[in-house]
C-alpha atoms as a PDB file:
ATOM      1  CA  MET A   1      -9.219  -3.302 -10.741  1.00  0.00           C
ATOM      2  CA  ALA A   2     -12.515  -4.155 -12.367  1.00  0.00           C
ATOM      3  CA  ASP A   3     -15.814  -5.580 -11.245  1.00  0.00           C
ATOM      4  CA  HIS A   4     -17.314  -8.472 -13.176  1.00  0.00           C
ATOM      5  CA  TRP A   5     -20.924  -9.566 -12.893  1.00  0.00           C
ATOM      6  CA  GLY A   6     -23.147 -11.950 -14.800  1.00  0.00           C
ATOM      7  CA  THR A   7     -22.810 -15.192 -16.697  1.00  0.00           C
ATOM      8  CA  PRO A   8     -19.804 -15.752 -18.971  1.00  0.00           C
ATOM      9  CA  GLY A   9     -20.752 -16.343 -22.581  1.00  0.00           C
ATOM     10  CA  LYS A  10     -23.510 -13.736 -22.724  1.00  0.00           C
ATOM     11  CA  PRO A  11     -23.055 -10.517 -24.728  1.00  0.00           C
ATOM     12  CA  ILE A  12     -20.657  -8.187 -22.914  1.00  0.00           C
ATOM     13  CA  ILE A  13     -21.313  -4.695 -21.619  1.00  0.00           C
ATOM     14  CA  HIS A  14     -18.470  -2.642 -20.258  1.00  0.00           C
ATOM     15  CA  PHE A  15     -19.762   0.053 -17.893  1.00  0.00           C
ATOM     16  CA  PHE A  16     -17.437   2.978 -17.095  1.00  0.00           C
ATOM     17  CA  HIS A  17     -18.447   5.118 -14.111  1.00  0.00           C
ATOM     18  CA  ALA A  18     -18.414   8.876 -13.519  1.00  0.00           C
ATOM     19  CA  ASN A  19     -15.715  10.890 -11.765  1.00  0.00           C
ATOM     20  CA  SER A  20     -15.796  10.644  -7.952  1.00  0.00           C
ATOM     21  CA  TYR A  21     -17.892   7.452  -8.123  1.00  0.00           C
ATOM     22  CA  CYS A  22     -16.936   3.795  -8.221  1.00  0.00           C
ATOM     23  CA  SER A  23     -18.311   0.980 -10.343  1.00  0.00           C
ATOM     24  CA  GLY A  24     -20.014  -0.751  -7.409  1.00  0.00           C
ATOM     25  CA  MET A  25     -22.332   2.230  -6.933  1.00  0.00           C
ATOM     26  CA  TYR A  26     -24.009   1.350 -10.219  1.00  0.00           C
ATOM     27  CA  LEU A  27     -24.812  -2.277  -9.411  1.00  0.00           C
ATOM     28  CA  PRO A  28     -28.481  -1.551  -8.526  1.00  0.00           C
ATOM     29  CA  PHE A  29     -28.826   0.157 -11.921  1.00  0.00           C
ATOM     30  CA  LEU A  30     -27.026  -2.650 -13.786  1.00  0.00           C
ATOM     31  CA  LYS A  31     -28.631  -5.610 -11.963  1.00  0.00           C
ATOM     32  CA  PRO A  32     -31.649  -5.916 -14.304  1.00  0.00           C
ATOM     33  CA  LEU A  33     -29.226  -6.391 -17.223  1.00  0.00           C
ATOM     34  CA  LEU A  34     -27.445  -9.368 -15.644  1.00  0.00           C
ATOM     35  CA  ALA A  35     -29.984 -11.902 -16.940  1.00  0.00           C
ATOM     36  CA  ASP A  36     -28.978 -11.100 -20.513  1.00  0.00           C
ATOM     37  CA  TYR A  37     -25.453  -9.671 -20.289  1.00  0.00           C
ATOM     38  CA  GLU A  38     -22.048 -10.239 -18.775  1.00  0.00           C
ATOM     39  CA  ILE A  39     -20.913  -6.897 -17.323  1.00  0.00           C
ATOM     40  CA  TYR A  40     -17.408  -5.609 -16.698  1.00  0.00           C
ATOM     41  CA  ALA A  41     -16.785  -2.320 -14.934  1.00  0.00           C
ATOM     42  CA  LEU A  42     -13.238  -0.966 -14.791  1.00  0.00           C
ATOM     43  CA  GLU A  43     -12.497   1.449 -11.954  1.00  0.00           C
ATOM     44  CA  ILE A  44     -11.148   4.814 -13.014  1.00  0.00           C
ATOM     45  CA  PRO A  45      -7.622   4.981 -11.558  1.00  0.00           C
ATOM     46  CA  GLY A  46      -7.719   6.401  -8.047  1.00  0.00           C
ATOM     47  CA  HIS A  47     -11.408   5.557  -7.545  1.00  0.00           C
ATOM     48  CA  GLY A  48     -13.141   2.741  -5.694  1.00  0.00           C
ATOM     49  CA  ARG A  49     -10.957  -0.327  -5.302  1.00  0.00           C
ATOM     50  CA  SER A  50      -8.430   0.780  -7.919  1.00  0.00           C
ATOM     51  CA  ASP A  51      -4.849  -0.022  -6.987  1.00  0.00           C
ATOM     52  CA  TRP A  52      -3.522   2.652  -9.341  1.00  0.00           C
ATOM     53  CA  GLU A  53      -1.197   5.101  -7.626  1.00  0.00           C
ATOM     54  CA  GLY A  54      -0.444   7.391 -10.552  1.00  0.00           C
ATOM     55  CA  VAL A  55      -2.336  10.377 -11.864  1.00  0.00           C
ATOM     56  CA  ILE A  56      -4.300  10.385 -15.099  1.00  0.00           C
ATOM     57  CA  GLN A  57      -3.780  13.785 -16.719  1.00  0.00           C
ATOM     58  CA  SER A  58      -6.382  13.721 -19.487  1.00  0.00           C
ATOM     59  CA  TRP A  59      -9.396  11.968 -20.953  1.00  0.00           C
ATOM     60  CA  GLU A  60      -7.140  10.769 -23.764  1.00  0.00           C
ATOM     61  CA  GLU A  61      -4.745   9.140 -21.295  1.00  0.00           C
ATOM     62  CA  LEU A  62      -7.692   7.509 -19.533  1.00  0.00           C
ATOM     63  CA  ALA A  63      -8.949   6.240 -22.908  1.00  0.00           C
ATOM     64  CA  ASP A  64      -5.524   4.646 -23.531  1.00  0.00           C
ATOM     65  CA  TYR A  65      -5.752   2.928 -20.131  1.00  0.00           C
ATOM     66  CA  PHE A  66      -9.288   1.747 -20.955  1.00  0.00           C
ATOM     67  CA  ILE A  67      -8.267   0.387 -24.372  1.00  0.00           C
ATOM     68  CA  GLN A  68      -5.388  -1.556 -22.787  1.00  0.00           C
ATOM     69  CA  TYR A  69      -7.868  -3.064 -20.341  1.00  0.00           C
ATOM     70  CA  LEU A  70     -10.307  -4.002 -23.113  1.00  0.00           C
ATOM     71  CA  ASP A  71      -7.467  -5.596 -25.088  1.00  0.00           C
ATOM     72  CA  SER A  72      -6.550  -7.655 -22.008  1.00  0.00           C
ATOM     73  CA  LEU A  73     -10.076  -9.107 -21.928  1.00  0.00           C
ATOM     74  CA  ALA A  74      -9.493 -10.611 -25.394  1.00  0.00           C
ATOM     75  CA  CYS A  75     -13.215 -10.553 -26.218  1.00  0.00           C
ATOM     76  CA  GLU A  76     -14.147 -12.518 -29.311  1.00  0.00           C
ATOM     77  CA  LYS A  77     -16.964 -10.120 -30.240  1.00  0.00           C
ATOM     78  CA  PRO A  78     -17.321  -6.352 -30.017  1.00  0.00           C
ATOM     79  CA  ILE A  79     -18.789  -5.163 -26.731  1.00  0.00           C
ATOM     80  CA  ILE A  80     -21.451  -2.675 -25.769  1.00  0.00           C
ATOM     81  CA  GLY A  81     -19.691   0.296 -24.222  1.00  0.00           C
ATOM     82  CA  MET A  82     -21.745   2.088 -21.595  1.00  0.00           C
ATOM     83  CA  GLY A  83     -20.565   5.061 -19.584  1.00  0.00           C
ATOM     84  CA  HIS A  84     -21.822   7.783 -17.275  1.00  0.00           C
ATOM     85  CA  SER A  85     -20.381  11.315 -17.440  1.00  0.00           C
ATOM     86  CA  ILE A  86     -16.596  11.056 -17.874  1.00  0.00           C
ATOM     87  CA  GLY A  87     -17.075   7.308 -18.369  1.00  0.00           C
ATOM     88  CA  GLY A  88     -19.225   8.117 -21.390  1.00  0.00           C
ATOM     89  CA  VAL A  89     -16.606  10.484 -22.792  1.00  0.00           C
ATOM     90  CA  VAL A  90     -13.823   7.943 -22.323  1.00  0.00           C
ATOM     91  CA  SER A  91     -15.938   5.218 -23.939  1.00  0.00           C
ATOM     92  CA  MET A  92     -16.569   7.547 -26.884  1.00  0.00           C
ATOM     93  CA  ILE A  93     -12.863   8.397 -27.282  1.00  0.00           C
ATOM     94  CA  ALA A  94     -11.976   4.698 -27.126  1.00  0.00           C
ATOM     95  CA  ALA A  95     -14.616   3.923 -29.772  1.00  0.00           C
ATOM     96  CA  VAL A  96     -13.228   6.603 -32.091  1.00  0.00           C
ATOM     97  CA  ARG A  97      -9.707   5.242 -31.677  1.00  0.00           C
ATOM     98  CA  ARG A  98     -10.623   1.563 -31.877  1.00  0.00           C
ATOM     99  CA  PRO A  99     -14.104   1.179 -33.425  1.00  0.00           C
ATOM    100  CA  GLU A 100     -13.666  -2.581 -33.822  1.00  0.00           C
ATOM    101  CA  LEU A 101     -13.831  -2.990 -30.026  1.00  0.00           C
ATOM    102  CA  PHE A 102     -17.442  -1.830 -29.812  1.00  0.00           C
ATOM    103  CA  HIS A 103     -20.780  -3.022 -31.130  1.00  0.00           C
ATOM    104  CA  LYS A 104     -22.763  -0.129 -29.624  1.00  0.00           C
ATOM    105  CA  LEU A 105     -22.307   2.780 -27.227  1.00  0.00           C
ATOM    106  CA  VAL A 106     -24.745   3.884 -24.532  1.00  0.00           C
ATOM    107  CA  LEU A 107     -23.733   7.287 -23.160  1.00  0.00           C
ATOM    108  CA  LEU A 108     -25.414   8.545 -19.993  1.00  0.00           C
ATOM    109  CA  ASP A 109     -24.966  12.293 -19.496  1.00  0.00           C
ATOM    110  CA  PRO A 110     -21.541  12.468 -21.184  1.00  0.00           C
ATOM    111  CA  VAL A 111     -19.465  15.578 -20.563  1.00  0.00           C
ATOM    112  CA  LEU A 112     -19.670  17.306 -23.936  1.00  0.00           C
ATOM    113  CA  LEU A 113     -18.166  20.766 -23.901  1.00  0.00           C
ATOM    114  CA  PRO A 114     -18.607  23.445 -26.577  1.00  0.00           C
ATOM    115  CA  ALA A 115     -15.533  24.189 -28.719  1.00  0.00           C
ATOM    116  CA  ARG A 116     -15.177  27.649 -27.142  1.00  0.00           C
ATOM    117  CA  ILE A 117     -14.926  26.157 -23.631  1.00  0.00           C
ATOM    118  CA  LEU A 118     -12.424  23.536 -24.801  1.00  0.00           C
ATOM    119  CA  THR A 119     -10.273  26.302 -26.285  1.00  0.00           C
ATOM    120  CA  LEU A 120     -10.373  28.231 -22.998  1.00  0.00           C
ATOM    121  CA  ILE A 121      -9.407  25.102 -21.060  1.00  0.00           C
ATOM    122  CA  ARG A 122      -6.457  24.448 -23.380  1.00  0.00           C
ATOM    123  CA  LEU A 123      -5.302  28.059 -23.082  1.00  0.00           C
ATOM    124  CA  SER A 124      -5.590  27.995 -19.290  1.00  0.00           C
ATOM    125  CA  ASN A 125      -3.464  24.838 -19.244  1.00  0.00           C
ATOM    126  CA  LEU A 126      -0.804  26.516 -21.394  1.00  0.00           C
ATOM    127  CA  VAL A 127      -0.491  29.507 -19.063  1.00  0.00           C
ATOM    128  CA  GLY A 128      -0.440  27.422 -15.879  1.00  0.00           C
ATOM    129  CA  TYR A 129      -3.961  28.229 -14.696  1.00  0.00           C
ATOM    130  CA  ARG A 130      -5.131  24.608 -14.821  1.00  0.00           C
ATOM    131  CA  TYR A 131      -5.762  23.919 -11.132  1.00  0.00           C
ATOM    132  CA  LYS A 132      -6.737  27.440 -10.091  1.00  0.00           C
ATOM    133  CA  THR A 133     -10.365  27.406 -11.198  1.00  0.00           C
ATOM    134  CA  PRO A 134     -12.837  26.556  -8.406  1.00  0.00           C
ATOM    135  CA  LEU A 135     -14.407  23.652 -10.308  1.00  0.00           C
ATOM    136  CA  ILE A 136     -11.085  21.972 -11.106  1.00  0.00           C
ATOM    137  CA  SER A 137      -9.668  22.656  -7.642  1.00  0.00           C
ATOM    138  CA  SER A 138     -12.731  21.044  -6.083  1.00  0.00           C
ATOM    139  CA  ALA A 139     -12.517  17.976  -8.344  1.00  0.00           C
ATOM    140  CA  THR A 140      -8.808  17.439  -7.639  1.00  0.00           C
ATOM    141  CA  ARG A 141      -9.467  17.384  -3.884  1.00  0.00           C
ATOM    142  CA  ARG A 142     -12.057  14.583  -4.200  1.00  0.00           C
END
């Protein structure tokens, strides 16, 4: 499920929201852009009005889902990718994988973790500690 605002034919922005939010929450922020842009906002699976019933296991898997959605739009020109938090990270991963899809990226407070933390996360996943940390446990209950 995706929201779509603005006038068709204008340059396209795709806005990807943060975890635990939904795209509609950002409409007051995005409204001033509607005079000059057509805006799409895909819901992260399991958020807002998403009809997705599965579980996304990683940012990479979410980026694959996002790329499939962008391909379905069949845009004639590259878009401006805009994302907040995890939406910024996913937009960045998608742009690395498929740079031809994007004209520009606007990243608002993307989750950028130091290499040492990423290594610890990967190790904790390998030993089965993934959902036992307070931060992850809290996020999975949302």
